[in-house]
Amino acid sequence: MAGTNGLIAALTQLSEAPPAPRGPRCTVGAILDGLDTATAQKVRDVLDTPGISATQLADTLTASGHPVQAPAVARHRRRGASNGCRCPR
């Protein structure tokens, strides 16, 4: 019988690792990750502005070469909620 110490160590490491993310990456989060710091901050500011609709922001991002749909923007705005994306708040 092969030694079990290696197996026990591997299983322990696996059980202590953070869970792997499920599902596809948030489109808005991926866009933010690809932008320079100043632009990403401006997008975050607009995301936190209730007077700007998800459709307006999605259209602006798409026109600037970052295709995204309004429901993805709305879901990102609800991040942290049960019906939002998994991006950190």
PDB file of N, CA and C in Angstrom:
ATOM      1  N   MET A   1       0.861  -1.175   0.000  1.00  0.00           N
ATOM      2  CA  MET A   1       0.000   0.000   0.000  1.00  0.00           C
ATOM      3  C   MET A   1       0.901   1.231   0.000  1.00  0.00           C
ATOM      4  N   ALA A   2       0.588   2.173  -0.817  1.00  0.00           N
ATOM      5  CA  ALA A   2       1.371   3.401  -0.901  1.00  0.00           C
ATOM      6  C   ALA A   2       1.175   4.221   0.369  1.00  0.00           C
ATOM      7  N   GLY A   3       2.174   5.057   0.680  1.00  0.00           N
ATOM      8  CA  GLY A   3       2.081   5.901   1.867  1.00  0.00           C
ATOM      9  C   GLY A   3       0.936   6.897   1.744  1.00  0.00           C
ATOM     10  N   THR A   4       0.280   7.151   2.851  1.00  0.00           N
ATOM     11  CA  THR A   4      -0.871   8.050   2.830  1.00  0.00           C
ATOM     12  C   THR A   4      -0.531   9.471   3.271  1.00  0.00           C
ATOM     13  N   ASN A   5       0.695   9.689   3.754  1.00  0.00           N
ATOM     14  CA  ASN A   5       1.049  11.036   4.220  1.00  0.00           C
ATOM     15  C   ASN A   5       0.929  12.069   3.112  1.00  0.00           C
ATOM     16  N   GLY A   6       1.396  11.721   1.918  1.00  0.00           N
ATOM     17  CA  GLY A   6       1.302  12.649   0.788  1.00  0.00           C
ATOM     18  C   GLY A   6      -0.140  12.935   0.414  1.00  0.00           C
ATOM     19  N   LEU A   7      -0.952  11.892   0.431  1.00  0.00           N
ATOM     20  CA  LEU A   7      -2.364  12.053   0.106  1.00  0.00           C
ATOM     21  C   LEU A   7      -3.064  12.909   1.155  1.00  0.00           C
ATOM     22  N   ILE A   8      -2.773  12.651   2.425  1.00  0.00           N
ATOM     23  CA  ILE A   8      -3.391  13.438   3.497  1.00  0.00           C
ATOM     24  C   ILE A   8      -2.995  14.905   3.368  1.00  0.00           C
ATOM     25  N   ALA A   9      -1.731  15.164   3.090  1.00  0.00           N
ATOM     26  CA  ALA A   9      -1.269  16.549   2.935  1.00  0.00           C
ATOM     27  C   ALA A   9      -1.953  17.216   1.750  1.00  0.00           C
ATOM     28  N   ALA A  10      -2.075  16.507   0.645  1.00  0.00           N
ATOM     29  CA  ALA A  10      -2.714  17.075  -0.547  1.00  0.00           C
ATOM     30  C   ALA A  10      -4.191  17.359  -0.292  1.00  0.00           C
ATOM     31  N   LEU A  11      -4.875  16.433   0.373  1.00  0.00           N
ATOM     32  CA  LEU A  11      -6.293  16.632   0.678  1.00  0.00           C
ATOM     33  C   LEU A  11      -6.490  17.774   1.667  1.00  0.00           C
ATOM     34  N   THR A  12      -5.601  17.895   2.638  1.00  0.00           N
ATOM     35  CA  THR A  12      -5.681  18.999   3.598  1.00  0.00           C
ATOM     36  C   THR A  12      -5.505  20.331   2.884  1.00  0.00           C
ATOM     37  N   GLN A  13      -4.519  20.395   1.996  1.00  0.00           N
ATOM     38  CA  GLN A  13      -4.279  21.624   1.243  1.00  0.00           C
ATOM     39  C   GLN A  13      -5.497  21.966   0.382  1.00  0.00           C
ATOM     40  N   LEU A  14      -6.080  20.969  -0.245  1.00  0.00           N
ATOM     41  CA  LEU A  14      -7.264  21.185  -1.077  1.00  0.00           C
ATOM     42  C   LEU A  14      -8.442  21.703  -0.258  1.00  0.00           C
ATOM     43  N   SER A  15      -8.643  21.145   0.928  1.00  0.00           N
ATOM     44  CA  SER A  15      -9.781  21.565   1.754  1.00  0.00           C
ATOM     45  C   SER A  15      -9.580  22.945   2.370  1.00  0.00           C
ATOM     46  N   GLU A  16      -8.328  23.390   2.499  1.00  0.00           N
ATOM     47  CA  GLU A  16      -8.050  24.709   3.079  1.00  0.00           C
ATOM     48  C   GLU A  16      -7.965  25.807   2.024  1.00  0.00           C
ATOM     49  N   ALA A  17      -7.941  25.442   0.757  1.00  0.00           N
ATOM     50  CA  ALA A  17      -7.848  26.425  -0.318  1.00  0.00           C
ATOM     51  C   ALA A  17      -9.185  27.142  -0.460  1.00  0.00           C
ATOM     52  N   PRO A  18      -9.153  28.404  -0.875  1.00  0.00           N
ATOM     53  CA  PRO A  18     -10.426  29.104  -1.090  1.00  0.00           C
ATOM     54  C   PRO A  18     -11.191  28.433  -2.229  1.00  0.00           C
ATOM     55  N   PRO A  19     -12.504  28.498  -2.191  1.00  0.00           N
ATOM     56  CA  PRO A  19     -13.289  27.849  -3.243  1.00  0.00           C
ATOM     57  C   PRO A  19     -13.037  28.512  -4.596  1.00  0.00           C
ATOM     58  N   ALA A  20     -13.054  27.698  -5.625  1.00  0.00           N
ATOM     59  CA  ALA A  20     -12.875  28.211  -6.983  1.00  0.00           C
ATOM     60  C   ALA A  20     -14.113  29.003  -7.378  1.00  0.00           C
ATOM     61  N   PRO A  21     -13.937  30.122  -8.072  1.00  0.00           N
ATOM     62  CA  PRO A  21     -15.109  30.887  -8.496  1.00  0.00           C
ATOM     63  C   PRO A  21     -15.954  30.079  -9.467  1.00  0.00           C
ATOM     64  N   ARG A  22     -17.258  30.236  -9.360  1.00  0.00           N
ATOM     65  CA  ARG A  22     -18.172  29.527 -10.249  1.00  0.00           C
ATOM     66  C   ARG A  22     -18.718  30.496 -11.275  1.00  0.00           C
ATOM     67  N   GLY A  23     -18.966  30.001 -12.441  1.00  0.00           N
ATOM     68  CA  GLY A  23     -19.586  30.798 -13.487  1.00  0.00           C
ATOM     69  C   GLY A  23     -18.615  31.731 -14.180  1.00  0.00           C
ATOM     70  N   PRO A  24     -19.108  32.406 -15.204  1.00  0.00           N
ATOM     71  CA  PRO A  24     -18.251  33.312 -15.968  1.00  0.00           C
ATOM     72  C   PRO A  24     -17.908  34.574 -15.185  1.00  0.00           C
ATOM     73  N   ARG A  25     -16.849  35.208 -15.580  1.00  0.00           N
ATOM     74  CA  ARG A  25     -16.382  36.455 -14.966  1.00  0.00           C
ATOM     75  C   ARG A  25     -17.379  37.563 -15.281  1.00  0.00           C
ATOM     76  N   CYS A  26     -17.590  38.461 -14.342  1.00  0.00           N
ATOM     77  CA  CYS A  26     -18.456  39.614 -14.551  1.00  0.00           C
ATOM     78  C   CYS A  26     -17.879  40.466 -15.683  1.00  0.00           C
ATOM     79  N   THR A  27     -18.694  40.809 -16.654  1.00  0.00           N
ATOM     80  CA  THR A  27     -18.241  41.589 -17.801  1.00  0.00           C
ATOM     81  C   THR A  27     -17.742  42.962 -17.372  1.00  0.00           C
ATOM     82  N   VAL A  28     -18.462  43.614 -16.484  1.00  0.00           N
ATOM     83  CA  VAL A  28     -18.049  44.947 -16.033  1.00  0.00           C
ATOM     84  C   VAL A  28     -16.741  44.853 -15.250  1.00  0.00           C
ATOM     85  N   GLY A  29     -16.603  43.847 -14.399  1.00  0.00           N
ATOM     86  CA  GLY A  29     -15.364  43.651 -13.654  1.00  0.00           C
ATOM     87  C   GLY A  29     -14.181  43.422 -14.587  1.00  0.00           C
ATOM     88  N   ALA A  30     -14.393  42.651 -15.644  1.00  0.00           N
ATOM     89  CA  ALA A  30     -13.331  42.405 -16.623  1.00  0.00           C
ATOM     90  C   ALA A  30     -12.958  43.699 -17.350  1.00  0.00           C
ATOM     91  N   ILE A  31     -13.950  44.507 -17.682  1.00  0.00           N
ATOM     92  CA  ILE A  31     -13.675  45.794 -18.325  1.00  0.00           C
ATOM     93  C   ILE A  31     -12.861  46.677 -17.389  1.00  0.00           C
ATOM     94  N   LEU A  32     -13.290  46.773 -16.131  1.00  0.00           N
ATOM     95  CA  LEU A  32     -12.574  47.603 -15.162  1.00  0.00           C
ATOM     96  C   LEU A  32     -11.126  47.150 -15.005  1.00  0.00           C
ATOM     97  N   ASP A  33     -10.903  45.838 -14.989  1.00  0.00           N
ATOM     98  CA  ASP A  33      -9.547  45.307 -14.846  1.00  0.00           C
ATOM     99  C   ASP A  33      -8.647  45.683 -16.023  1.00  0.00           C
ATOM    100  N   GLY A  34      -9.255  45.899 -17.194  1.00  0.00           N
ATOM    101  CA  GLY A  34      -8.480  46.208 -18.387  1.00  0.00           C
ATOM    102  C   GLY A  34      -8.235  47.691 -18.615  1.00  0.00           C
ATOM    103  N   LEU A  35      -8.820  48.540 -17.784  1.00  0.00           N
ATOM    104  CA  LEU A  35      -8.677  49.990 -17.958  1.00  0.00           C
ATOM    105  C   LEU A  35      -7.532  50.537 -17.114  1.00  0.00           C
ATOM    106  N   ASP A  36      -7.005  51.685 -17.530  1.00  0.00           N
ATOM    107  CA  ASP A  36      -6.008  52.343 -16.690  1.00  0.00           C
ATOM    108  C   ASP A  36      -6.706  52.851 -15.427  1.00  0.00           C
ATOM    109  N   THR A  37      -5.927  53.173 -14.427  1.00  0.00           N
ATOM    110  CA  THR A  37      -6.455  53.509 -13.101  1.00  0.00           C
ATOM    111  C   THR A  37      -7.439  54.667 -13.129  1.00  0.00           C
ATOM    112  N   ALA A  38      -7.102  55.744 -13.824  1.00  0.00           N
ATOM    113  CA  ALA A  38      -7.969  56.929 -13.847  1.00  0.00           C
ATOM    114  C   ALA A  38      -9.298  56.641 -14.541  1.00  0.00           C
ATOM    115  N   THR A  39      -9.236  55.925 -15.650  1.00  0.00           N
ATOM    116  CA  THR A  39     -10.466  55.605 -16.386  1.00  0.00           C
ATOM    117  C   THR A  39     -11.335  54.644 -15.592  1.00  0.00           C
ATOM    118  N   ALA A  40     -10.709  53.639 -14.981  1.00  0.00           N
ATOM    119  CA  ALA A  40     -11.466  52.687 -14.165  1.00  0.00           C
ATOM    120  C   ALA A  40     -12.158  53.405 -13.012  1.00  0.00           C
ATOM    121  N   GLN A  41     -11.487  54.364 -12.396  1.00  0.00           N
ATOM    122  CA  GLN A  41     -12.087  55.111 -11.295  1.00  0.00           C
ATOM    123  C   GLN A  41     -13.276  55.930 -11.778  1.00  0.00           C
ATOM    124  N   LYS A  42     -13.171  56.518 -12.966  1.00  0.00           N
ATOM    125  CA  LYS A  42     -14.282  57.296 -13.517  1.00  0.00           C
ATOM    126  C   LYS A  42     -15.483  56.390 -13.789  1.00  0.00           C
ATOM    127  N   VAL A  43     -15.219  55.190 -14.323  1.00  0.00           N
ATOM    128  CA  VAL A  43     -16.316  54.240 -14.556  1.00  0.00           C
ATOM    129  C   VAL A  43     -16.950  53.850 -13.223  1.00  0.00           C
ATOM    130  N   ARG A  44     -16.145  53.616 -12.199  1.00  0.00           N
ATOM    131  CA  ARG A  44     -16.687  53.287 -10.865  1.00  0.00           C
ATOM    132  C   ARG A  44     -17.544  54.433 -10.326  1.00  0.00           C
ATOM    133  N   ASP A  45     -17.088  55.661 -10.531  1.00  0.00           N
ATOM    134  CA  ASP A  45     -17.866  56.822 -10.086  1.00  0.00           C
ATOM    135  C   ASP A  45     -19.219  56.867 -10.785  1.00  0.00           C
ATOM    136  N   VAL A  46     -19.223  56.609 -12.090  1.00  0.00           N
ATOM    137  CA  VAL A  46     -20.480  56.621 -12.847  1.00  0.00           C
ATOM    138  C   VAL A  46     -21.366  55.451 -12.412  1.00  0.00           C
ATOM    139  N   LEU A  47     -20.770  54.297 -12.141  1.00  0.00           N
ATOM    140  CA  LEU A  47     -21.546  53.153 -11.651  1.00  0.00           C
ATOM    141  C   LEU A  47     -22.277  53.491 -10.353  1.00  0.00           C
ATOM    142  N   ASP A  48     -21.659  54.335  -9.535  1.00  0.00           N
ATOM    143  CA  ASP A  48     -22.250  54.714  -8.247  1.00  0.00           C
ATOM    144  C   ASP A  48     -23.150  55.940  -8.338  1.00  0.00           C
ATOM    145  N   THR A  49     -23.428  56.406  -9.553  1.00  0.00           N
ATOM    146  CA  THR A  49     -24.295  57.567  -9.762  1.00  0.00           C
ATOM    147  C   THR A  49     -25.681  57.072 -10.169  1.00  0.00           C
ATOM    148  N   PRO A  50     -26.661  57.146  -9.252  1.00  0.00           N
ATOM    149  CA  PRO A  50     -27.991  56.603  -9.547  1.00  0.00           C
ATOM    150  C   PRO A  50     -28.694  57.273 -10.724  1.00  0.00           C
ATOM    151  N   GLY A  51     -28.378  58.509 -11.017  1.00  0.00           N
ATOM    152  CA  GLY A  51     -29.048  59.219 -12.112  1.00  0.00           C
ATOM    153  C   GLY A  51     -28.624  58.782 -13.496  1.00  0.00           C
ATOM    154  N   ILE A  52     -27.605  57.969 -13.586  1.00  0.00           N
ATOM    155  CA  ILE A  52     -27.142  57.451 -14.880  1.00  0.00           C
ATOM    156  C   ILE A  52     -27.609  56.005 -14.975  1.00  0.00           C
ATOM    157  N   SER A  53     -28.398  55.718 -16.000  1.00  0.00           N
ATOM    158  CA  SER A  53     -28.976  54.378 -16.110  1.00  0.00           C
ATOM    159  C   SER A  53     -27.950  53.353 -16.581  1.00  0.00           C
ATOM    160  N   ALA A  54     -28.264  52.110 -16.321  1.00  0.00           N
ATOM    161  CA  ALA A  54     -27.411  51.012 -16.775  1.00  0.00           C
ATOM    162  C   ALA A  54     -27.332  51.007 -18.299  1.00  0.00           C
ATOM    163  N   THR A  55     -28.429  51.347 -18.956  1.00  0.00           N
ATOM    164  CA  THR A  55     -28.444  51.394 -20.420  1.00  0.00           C
ATOM    165  C   THR A  55     -27.520  52.485 -20.933  1.00  0.00           C
ATOM    166  N   GLN A  56     -27.573  53.661 -20.313  1.00  0.00           N
ATOM    167  CA  GLN A  56     -26.693  54.754 -20.741  1.00  0.00           C
ATOM    168  C   GLN A  56     -25.224  54.354 -20.593  1.00  0.00           C
ATOM    169  N   LEU A  57     -24.879  53.770 -19.471  1.00  0.00           N
ATOM    170  CA  LEU A  57     -23.492  53.382 -19.244  1.00  0.00           C
ATOM    171  C   LEU A  57     -23.077  52.255 -20.189  1.00  0.00           C
ATOM    172  N   ALA A  58     -23.943  51.276 -20.382  1.00  0.00           N
ATOM    173  CA  ALA A  58     -23.632  50.176 -21.303  1.00  0.00           C
ATOM    174  C   ALA A  58     -23.418  50.701 -22.716  1.00  0.00           C
ATOM    175  N   ASP A  59     -24.268  51.617 -23.156  1.00  0.00           N
ATOM    176  CA  ASP A  59     -24.123  52.189 -24.500  1.00  0.00           C
ATOM    177  C   ASP A  59     -22.813  52.962 -24.632  1.00  0.00           C
ATOM    178  N   THR A  60     -22.451  53.711 -23.594  1.00  0.00           N
ATOM    179  CA  THR A  60     -21.209  54.493 -23.620  1.00  0.00           C
ATOM    180  C   THR A  60     -19.993  53.580 -23.655  1.00  0.00           C
ATOM    181  N   LEU A  61     -19.986  52.541 -22.795  1.00  0.00           N
ATOM    182  CA  LEU A  61     -18.868  51.608 -22.779  1.00  0.00           C
ATOM    183  C   LEU A  61     -18.753  50.863 -24.111  1.00  0.00           C
ATOM    184  N   THR A  62     -19.877  50.424 -24.644  1.00  0.00           N
ATOM    185  CA  THR A  62     -19.877  49.701 -25.921  1.00  0.00           C
ATOM    186  C   THR A  62     -19.368  50.585 -27.050  1.00  0.00           C
ATOM    187  N   ALA A  63     -19.818  51.838 -27.081  1.00  0.00           N
ATOM    188  CA  ALA A  63     -19.371  52.770 -28.123  1.00  0.00           C
ATOM    189  C   ALA A  63     -17.871  53.055 -28.022  1.00  0.00           C
ATOM    190  N   SER A  64     -17.309  52.853 -26.836  1.00  0.00           N
ATOM    191  CA  SER A  64     -15.878  53.091 -26.619  1.00  0.00           C
ATOM    192  C   SER A  64     -15.052  51.822 -26.784  1.00  0.00           C
ATOM    193  N   GLY A  65     -15.666  50.774 -27.304  1.00  0.00           N
ATOM    194  CA  GLY A  65     -14.929  49.544 -27.579  1.00  0.00           C
ATOM    195  C   GLY A  65     -14.946  48.521 -26.470  1.00  0.00           C
ATOM    196  N   HIS A  66     -15.827  48.699 -25.497  1.00  0.00           N
ATOM    197  CA  HIS A  66     -15.942  47.757 -24.378  1.00  0.00           C
ATOM    198  C   HIS A  66     -17.367  47.210 -24.354  1.00  0.00           C
ATOM    199  N   PRO A  67     -17.659  46.226 -25.211  1.00  0.00           N
ATOM    200  CA  PRO A  67     -19.039  45.743 -25.330  1.00  0.00           C
ATOM    201  C   PRO A  67     -19.574  45.143 -24.026  1.00  0.00           C
ATOM    202  N   VAL A  68     -20.715  45.655 -23.617  1.00  0.00           N
ATOM    203  CA  VAL A  68     -21.396  45.180 -22.415  1.00  0.00           C
ATOM    204  C   VAL A  68     -22.872  45.504 -22.566  1.00  0.00           C
ATOM    205  N   GLN A  69     -23.712  44.682 -21.983  1.00  0.00           N
ATOM    206  CA  GLN A  69     -25.152  44.912 -22.036  1.00  0.00           C
ATOM    207  C   GLN A  69     -25.638  45.516 -20.724  1.00  0.00           C
ATOM    208  N   ALA A  70     -26.742  46.233 -20.798  1.00  0.00           N
ATOM    209  CA  ALA A  70     -27.297  46.919 -19.630  1.00  0.00           C
ATOM    210  C   ALA A  70     -27.569  45.980 -18.449  1.00  0.00           C
ATOM    211  N   PRO A  71     -28.097  44.766 -18.656  1.00  0.00           N
ATOM    212  CA  PRO A  71     -28.310  43.887 -17.499  1.00  0.00           C
ATOM    213  C   PRO A  71     -27.017  43.549 -16.752  1.00  0.00           C
ATOM    214  N   ALA A  72     -25.906  43.458 -17.472  1.00  0.00           N
ATOM    215  CA  ALA A  72     -24.622  43.181 -16.810  1.00  0.00           C
ATOM    216  C   ALA A  72     -24.201  44.372 -15.957  1.00  0.00           C
ATOM    217  N   VAL A  73     -24.454  45.574 -16.445  1.00  0.00           N
ATOM    218  CA  VAL A  73     -24.136  46.776 -15.664  1.00  0.00           C
ATOM    219  C   VAL A  73     -25.016  46.820 -14.417  1.00  0.00           C
ATOM    220  N   ALA A  74     -26.296  46.549 -14.585  1.00  0.00           N
ATOM    221  CA  ALA A  74     -27.221  46.555 -13.444  1.00  0.00           C
ATOM    222  C   ALA A  74     -26.832  45.495 -12.419  1.00  0.00           C
ATOM    223  N   ARG A  75     -26.453  44.306 -12.884  1.00  0.00           N
ATOM    224  CA  ARG A  75     -26.040  43.232 -11.974  1.00  0.00           C
ATOM    225  C   ARG A  75     -24.765  43.631 -11.222  1.00  0.00           C
ATOM    226  N   HIS A  76     -23.828  44.285 -11.919  1.00  0.00           N
ATOM    227  CA  HIS A  76     -22.593  44.724 -11.258  1.00  0.00           C
ATOM    228  C   HIS A  76     -22.907  45.781 -10.201  1.00  0.00           C
ATOM    229  N   ARG A  77     -23.857  46.643 -10.476  1.00  0.00           N
ATOM    230  CA  ARG A  77     -24.248  47.651  -9.483  1.00  0.00           C
ATOM    231  C   ARG A  77     -24.786  47.006  -8.212  1.00  0.00           C
ATOM    232  N   ARG A  78     -25.351  45.812  -8.338  1.00  0.00           N
ATOM    233  CA  ARG A  78     -25.897  45.105  -7.168  1.00  0.00           C
ATOM    234  C   ARG A  78     -24.876  44.156  -6.548  1.00  0.00           C
ATOM    235  N   ARG A  79     -23.592  44.297  -6.915  1.00  0.00           N
ATOM    236  CA  ARG A  79     -22.568  43.364  -6.409  1.00  0.00           C
ATOM    237  C   ARG A  79     -22.645  43.271  -4.892  1.00  0.00           C
ATOM    238  N   GLY A  80     -22.452  42.063  -4.415  1.00  0.00           N
ATOM    239  CA  GLY A  80     -22.539  41.811  -2.981  1.00  0.00           C
ATOM    240  C   GLY A  80     -23.932  41.385  -2.545  1.00  0.00           C
ATOM    241  N   ALA A  81     -24.934  41.687  -3.348  1.00  0.00           N
ATOM    242  CA  ALA A  81     -26.305  41.264  -3.040  1.00  0.00           C
ATOM    243  C   ALA A  81     -26.534  39.872  -3.624  1.00  0.00           C
ATOM    244  N   SER A  82     -27.581  39.214  -3.189  1.00  0.00           N
ATOM    245  CA  SER A  82     -27.843  37.855  -3.663  1.00  0.00           C
ATOM    246  C   SER A  82     -28.122  37.799  -5.163  1.00  0.00           C
ATOM    247  N   ASN A  83     -28.587  38.901  -5.738  1.00  0.00           N
ATOM    248  CA  ASN A  83     -28.873  38.921  -7.174  1.00  0.00           C
ATOM    249  C   ASN A  83     -27.864  39.774  -7.940  1.00  0.00           C
ATOM    250  N   GLY A  84     -26.705  40.007  -7.356  1.00  0.00           N
ATOM    251  CA  GLY A  84     -25.656  40.781  -8.010  1.00  0.00           C
ATOM    252  C   GLY A  84     -24.508  39.884  -8.437  1.00  0.00           C
ATOM    253  N   CYS A  85     -23.488  40.493  -8.998  1.00  0.00           N
ATOM    254  CA  CYS A  85     -22.305  39.736  -9.398  1.00  0.00           C
ATOM    255  C   CYS A  85     -21.414  39.479  -8.191  1.00  0.00           C
ATOM    256  N   ARG A  86     -20.346  38.720  -8.405  1.00  0.00           N
ATOM    257  CA  ARG A  86     -19.453  38.353  -7.311  1.00  0.00           C
ATOM    258  C   ARG A  86     -18.285  39.322  -7.140  1.00  0.00           C
ATOM    259  N   CYS A  87     -18.246  40.400  -7.895  1.00  0.00           N
ATOM    260  CA  CYS A  87     -17.163  41.375  -7.732  1.00  0.00           C
ATOM    261  C   CYS A  87     -17.226  41.961  -6.311  1.00  0.00           C
ATOM    262  N   PRO A  88     -16.076  42.280  -5.758  1.00  0.00           N
ATOM    263  CA  PRO A  88     -16.094  42.871  -4.408  1.00  0.00           C
ATOM    264  C   PRO A  88     -16.772  44.232  -4.404  1.00  0.00           C
ATOM    265  N   ARG A  89     -17.409  44.547  -3.334  1.00  0.00           N
ATOM    266  CA  ARG A  89     -18.095  45.840  -3.164  1.00  0.00           C
ATOM    267  C   ARG A  89     -17.101  46.896  -2.868  1.00  0.00           C
TER     268      ARG A  89
END
